[in-house]
Amino acid sequence: MPAQILTHTRIGLLDVVPDATHPVRLRARNLEAAEQLHAHSHPWGQVTYAAEGVLRVSVGNSTWIVPPLRAIWIPPLVEHEIATMEKSQLRALYVHSDSVPFQGRQCIVLEVSTLLRELIAALSQVNEDSQRESLISQLILNELAEAKTQAIRIALPTEKRLHAICQALIETPDSNTTLADWAQQVGASERTLARLFERDLGMTFGQWRQQTGACRADDRARHAAVAGCGRIGLCQPVGVFRDVPQNLRAVAIDFLHAQEKLARHQLRDDNVE
């Protein structure tokens, strides 16, 4: 039975919980822009991924902008908050604590490969307790463990006024508001805010803006590149599966071939039109 797609942000639901028999479970939500899953934690790990749209994931004094080409690994028991920056299809993988692909308490930015993207889509359609579910889950765990990681994060200050300024700029990255403008809004001098930025973040206000902008630009470029490849039927070569266990390789190749076939059909249909 396909996964139920929620359209709300209520947390604490226990209908989808990983266990030793089902080490990977999927929670699907289709949300509008500017919706928020408030800070919470759970005993299982989570891969936060958006099939469409852009998410903002916050943990402690760090935040990440998450487009469809990336995901965030959140270890078990780590409190996190998720917000949609635009209309999004949130697909969260819950991973049982005995099967976590990464050690430690640090969140990790992952590159979402073509294979992983298709596996997540397949898991949302699979019948529970089937052999197919078990194989897909094993392959997801293997692909996560091999995923490329990115040291990309946007640092958030602890000082209350700076935190509010940074959150506002993340939500409206094209804002032209200067530090002097912000000083008037928060009731502090420009010099005070500049000093607080360097104390809390070790960089100037301008450097922080550049870092945030670079993260967004990099994600947009990667997203556009993959979208363009999909339009002309290109995908990763089958050789990408050389490190996948032999008993799972056929399943992986089937998924990729199905994606390539779909892309070609879409291109043909576009040409007919």
Protein backbone atom coordinates (compact mmCIF):
# COMPACT_ATOMS: atom_id res chain seq x y z
CA MET A 1 0.00 0.00 0.00
CA PRO A 2 1.43 3.43 -0.91
CA ALA A 3 2.54 5.61 1.99
CA GLN A 4 -0.09 7.96 3.35
CA ILE A 5 0.71 11.54 2.42
CA LEU A 6 0.00 13.98 5.24
CA THR A 7 -0.84 17.62 4.63
CA HIS A 8 -0.33 18.84 8.20
CA THR A 9 2.65 19.45 10.49
CA ARG A 10 1.54 17.60 13.62
CA ILE A 11 4.40 15.72 15.24
CA GLY A 12 4.58 12.87 17.73
CA LEU A 13 2.69 10.46 15.44
CA LEU A 14 3.47 6.80 16.08
CA ASP A 15 1.90 5.09 13.06
CA VAL A 16 5.23 5.08 11.19
CA VAL A 17 8.02 3.92 13.51
CA PRO A 18 11.12 1.91 12.47
CA ASP A 19 11.98 -1.32 14.26
CA ALA A 20 14.39 -4.24 13.83
CA THR A 21 12.14 -5.83 11.20
CA HIS A 22 11.48 -2.55 9.38
CA PRO A 23 14.74 -0.58 9.84
CA VAL A 24 13.69 2.14 7.37
CA ARG A 25 10.26 3.74 7.35
CA LEU A 26 9.03 6.70 5.35
CA ARG A 27 6.96 9.69 6.47
CA ALA A 28 5.49 11.63 3.55
CA ARG A 29 4.11 15.16 3.83
CA ASN A 30 3.01 17.57 1.11
CA LEU A 31 3.18 21.04 2.64
CA GLU A 32 2.59 24.61 1.54
CA ALA A 33 5.26 27.31 1.84
CA ALA A 34 6.09 28.72 5.29
CA GLU A 35 4.85 25.71 7.25
CA GLN A 36 6.82 24.46 10.23
CA LEU A 37 7.40 21.23 12.13
CA HIS A 38 8.31 22.60 15.54
CA ALA A 39 11.37 21.47 17.46
CA HIS A 40 11.17 17.81 18.43
CA SER A 41 13.27 14.66 18.72
CA HIS A 42 12.73 10.90 18.57
CA PRO A 43 14.66 7.68 19.31
CA TRP A 44 15.34 6.96 15.63
CA GLY A 45 17.56 8.74 13.13
CA GLN A 46 16.12 10.73 10.25
CA VAL A 47 17.10 11.61 6.71
CA THR A 48 15.27 14.84 5.89
CA TYR A 49 14.69 15.15 2.15
CA ALA A 50 12.38 17.09 -0.15
CA ALA A 51 11.40 15.43 -3.43
CA GLU A 52 10.24 18.88 -4.51
CA GLY A 53 10.63 22.30 -2.92
CA VAL A 54 13.18 23.65 -0.46
CA LEU A 55 13.38 23.01 3.28
CA ARG A 56 15.15 24.78 6.12
CA VAL A 57 16.42 22.46 8.85
CA SER A 58 17.60 23.95 12.15
CA VAL A 59 19.51 22.17 14.89
CA GLY A 60 20.93 24.19 17.76
CA ASN A 61 22.80 27.20 16.38
CA SER A 62 23.06 25.76 12.86
CA THR A 63 20.69 25.81 9.95
CA TRP A 64 20.77 24.19 6.51
CA ILE A 65 18.96 25.02 3.28
CA VAL A 66 17.88 21.70 1.76
CA PRO A 67 16.93 21.50 -1.94
CA PRO A 68 16.02 18.20 -3.69
CA LEU A 69 19.66 17.39 -4.45
CA ARG A 70 20.58 17.28 -0.79
CA ALA A 71 19.36 15.74 2.43
CA ILE A 72 20.25 16.13 6.10
CA TRP A 73 21.09 13.20 8.36
CA ILE A 74 19.79 13.87 11.89
CA PRO A 75 21.01 11.37 14.53
CA PRO A 76 18.62 9.78 17.05
CA LEU A 77 17.51 11.99 19.95
CA VAL A 78 18.81 15.20 18.34
CA GLU A 79 16.23 17.99 18.56
CA HIS A 80 15.47 19.53 15.19
CA GLU A 81 13.04 21.89 13.48
CA ILE A 82 11.94 21.85 9.84
CA ALA A 83 10.35 24.65 7.84
CA THR A 84 9.25 24.83 4.21
CA MET A 85 10.69 27.74 2.24
CA GLU A 86 8.35 27.00 -0.65
CA LYS A 87 5.68 24.43 -1.47
CA SER A 88 7.42 21.13 -0.72
CA GLN A 89 7.11 17.36 -0.81
CA LEU A 90 8.83 16.31 2.40
CA ARG A 91 9.93 12.68 2.42
CA ALA A 92 11.60 11.80 5.72
CA LEU A 93 13.33 8.46 6.16
CA TYR A 94 13.16 7.15 9.73
CA VAL A 95 16.10 4.84 10.49
CA HIS A 96 16.12 2.44 13.45
CA SER A 97 18.84 3.20 15.98
CA ASP A 98 20.49 -0.21 15.40
CA SER A 99 20.84 0.49 11.67
CA VAL A 100 22.10 4.08 11.59
CA PRO A 101 24.56 4.62 8.70
CA PHE A 102 26.60 7.28 10.54
CA GLN A 103 28.11 7.42 14.00
CA GLY A 104 28.17 10.39 16.35
CA ARG A 105 25.77 13.18 17.25
CA GLN A 106 26.54 15.53 14.38
CA CYS A 107 24.13 16.28 11.55
CA ILE A 108 25.52 15.52 8.11
CA VAL A 109 24.71 17.04 4.73
CA LEU A 110 24.27 14.34 2.08
CA GLU A 111 24.23 14.51 -1.69
CA VAL A 112 21.15 12.67 -2.95
CA SER A 113 22.18 10.39 -5.80
CA THR A 114 19.86 9.37 -8.61
CA LEU A 115 19.64 5.91 -7.07
CA LEU A 116 18.76 7.19 -3.60
CA ARG A 117 16.12 9.51 -5.02
CA GLU A 118 14.46 6.64 -6.87
CA LEU A 119 14.69 4.32 -3.87
CA ILE A 120 12.90 6.84 -1.68
CA ALA A 121 10.17 7.16 -4.30
CA ALA A 122 9.90 3.37 -4.50
CA LEU A 123 9.69 2.96 -0.73
CA SER A 124 6.69 5.29 -0.72
CA GLN A 125 4.85 2.85 -3.02
CA VAL A 126 5.87 -0.51 -1.60
CA ASN A 127 3.67 -2.95 0.33
CA GLU A 128 4.60 -3.26 3.99
CA ASP A 129 6.21 -6.54 5.08
CA SER A 130 6.99 -7.50 1.49
CA GLN A 131 10.35 -8.79 0.27
CA ARG A 132 10.53 -5.73 -1.95
CA GLU A 133 10.30 -3.45 1.10
CA SER A 134 13.12 -5.36 2.77
CA LEU A 135 15.37 -5.15 -0.30
CA ILE A 136 14.68 -1.46 -0.83
CA SER A 137 15.39 -0.73 2.83
CA GLN A 138 18.71 -2.58 2.68
CA LEU A 139 19.71 -0.74 -0.46
CA ILE A 140 18.76 2.62 1.06
CA LEU A 141 20.96 1.94 4.07
CA ASN A 142 23.82 0.94 1.79
CA GLU A 143 23.40 4.01 -0.40
CA LEU A 144 23.25 6.32 2.63
CA ALA A 145 26.47 4.89 4.03
CA GLU A 146 28.20 5.54 0.69
CA ALA A 147 26.64 8.98 0.10
CA LYS A 148 28.95 11.91 -0.49
CA THR A 149 28.87 14.37 2.38
CA GLN A 150 29.12 18.14 2.23
CA ALA A 151 30.47 20.42 4.94
CA ILE A 152 27.86 23.07 4.19
CA ARG A 153 26.06 24.81 7.02
CA ILE A 154 24.91 28.31 7.82
CA ALA A 155 25.97 29.30 11.30
CA LEU A 156 23.36 31.01 13.44
CA PRO A 157 24.30 33.36 16.30
CA THR A 158 23.18 32.82 19.87
CA GLU A 159 22.56 36.51 20.55
CA LYS A 160 18.80 37.06 20.33
CA ARG A 161 18.82 40.12 18.06
CA LEU A 162 21.36 38.67 15.65
CA HIS A 163 19.46 35.38 15.55
CA ALA A 164 16.27 37.18 14.50
CA ILE A 165 18.15 39.11 11.80
CA CYS A 166 19.79 35.99 10.38
CA GLN A 167 16.55 34.00 10.34
CA ALA A 168 14.81 36.83 8.49
CA LEU A 169 17.60 36.96 5.89
CA ILE A 170 17.52 33.20 5.36
CA GLU A 171 13.78 33.41 4.71
CA THR A 172 14.20 36.41 2.36
CA PRO A 173 17.66 35.94 0.80
CA ASP A 174 17.11 38.66 -1.82
CA SER A 175 16.56 41.34 0.83
CA ASN A 176 18.63 44.51 0.40
CA THR A 177 18.32 45.52 4.05
CA THR A 178 21.66 46.83 5.32
CA LEU A 179 23.16 46.40 8.77
CA ALA A 180 22.30 50.05 9.46
CA ASP A 181 18.66 49.33 8.57
CA TRP A 182 18.62 46.33 10.90
CA ALA A 183 20.17 48.41 13.67
CA GLN A 184 17.22 50.79 13.53
CA GLN A 185 14.74 47.90 13.58
CA VAL A 186 16.22 46.10 16.59
CA GLY A 187 17.13 49.19 18.59
CA ALA A 188 20.92 48.89 18.56
CA SER A 189 23.72 50.80 16.91
CA GLU A 190 25.27 49.54 13.69
CA ARG A 191 28.63 49.33 15.47
CA THR A 192 27.14 47.16 18.23
CA LEU A 193 25.63 44.72 15.72
CA ALA A 194 28.89 44.55 13.77
CA ARG A 195 30.80 43.75 16.96
CA LEU A 196 28.26 41.08 17.94
CA PHE A 197 28.54 39.42 14.51
CA GLU A 198 32.29 39.10 14.84
CA ARG A 199 32.03 37.88 18.43
CA ASP A 200 29.30 35.28 17.86
CA LEU A 201 30.18 34.06 14.36
CA GLY A 202 33.80 35.05 13.82
CA MET A 203 32.91 36.95 10.64
CA THR A 204 31.46 40.25 9.53
CA PHE A 205 27.83 40.79 8.54
CA GLY A 206 28.90 41.01 4.88
CA GLN A 207 30.87 37.77 5.07
CA TRP A 208 27.89 35.97 6.61
CA ARG A 209 25.63 37.26 3.79
CA GLN A 210 28.14 36.03 1.21
CA GLN A 211 28.32 32.59 2.83
CA THR A 212 24.53 32.28 2.90
CA GLY A 213 24.21 33.45 -0.69
CA ALA A 214 26.87 31.02 -1.86
CA CYS A 215 25.04 28.09 -0.27
CA ARG A 216 21.79 29.06 -1.99
CA ALA A 217 23.46 29.67 -5.37
CA ASP A 218 25.30 26.33 -5.25
CA ASP A 219 22.10 24.44 -4.47
CA ARG A 220 20.17 26.19 -7.24
CA ALA A 221 22.89 25.42 -9.78
CA ARG A 222 23.00 21.75 -8.85
CA HIS A 223 19.21 21.46 -8.94
CA ALA A 224 19.05 23.08 -12.37
CA ALA A 225 21.77 20.78 -13.73
CA VAL A 226 19.99 17.61 -12.65
CA ALA A 227 16.65 18.89 -13.93
CA GLY A 228 18.26 19.60 -17.30
CA CYS A 229 19.74 16.11 -17.51
CA GLY A 230 16.36 14.60 -16.71
CA ARG A 231 14.78 16.53 -19.56
CA ILE A 232 17.06 14.92 -22.13
CA GLY A 233 17.00 11.41 -20.68
CA LEU A 234 20.45 11.41 -19.14
CA CYS A 235 21.19 9.59 -15.90
CA GLN A 236 24.09 8.07 -14.02
CA PRO A 237 25.73 5.08 -15.73
CA VAL A 238 25.04 1.59 -14.48
CA GLY A 239 28.69 1.46 -13.39
CA VAL A 240 27.66 3.57 -10.40
CA PHE A 241 26.43 0.32 -8.81
CA ARG A 242 29.82 -1.41 -8.73
CA ASP A 243 29.99 -1.02 -4.94
CA VAL A 244 26.41 -2.16 -4.33
CA PRO A 245 26.09 -5.69 -2.87
CA GLN A 246 25.48 -8.28 -5.60
CA ASN A 247 22.12 -9.40 -4.20
CA LEU A 248 20.78 -5.83 -4.39
CA ARG A 249 22.37 -4.72 -7.66
CA ALA A 250 19.59 -5.96 -9.94
CA VAL A 251 17.01 -4.05 -7.91
CA ALA A 252 19.10 -0.88 -8.14
CA ILE A 253 19.63 -1.15 -11.89
CA ASP A 254 15.91 -1.76 -12.45
CA PHE A 255 15.11 1.49 -10.66
CA LEU A 256 17.57 3.50 -12.71
CA HIS A 257 16.44 1.99 -16.00
CA ALA A 258 12.84 2.80 -15.11
CA GLN A 259 13.79 6.42 -14.49
CA GLU A 260 15.66 6.65 -17.81
CA LYS A 261 12.72 5.14 -19.68
CA LEU A 262 10.35 7.66 -18.10
CA ALA A 263 12.63 10.57 -19.03
CA ARG A 264 12.76 9.43 -22.65
CA HIS A 265 8.97 9.11 -22.82
CA GLN A 266 8.63 12.63 -21.43
CA LEU A 267 11.08 13.97 -24.02
CA ARG A 268 9.21 12.20 -26.84
CA ASP A 269 5.89 13.58 -25.63
CA ASP A 270 7.35 17.11 -25.50
CA ASN A 271 8.59 16.77 -29.05
CA VAL A 272 5.17 15.60 -30.25
CA GLU A 273 3.56 18.64 -28.65
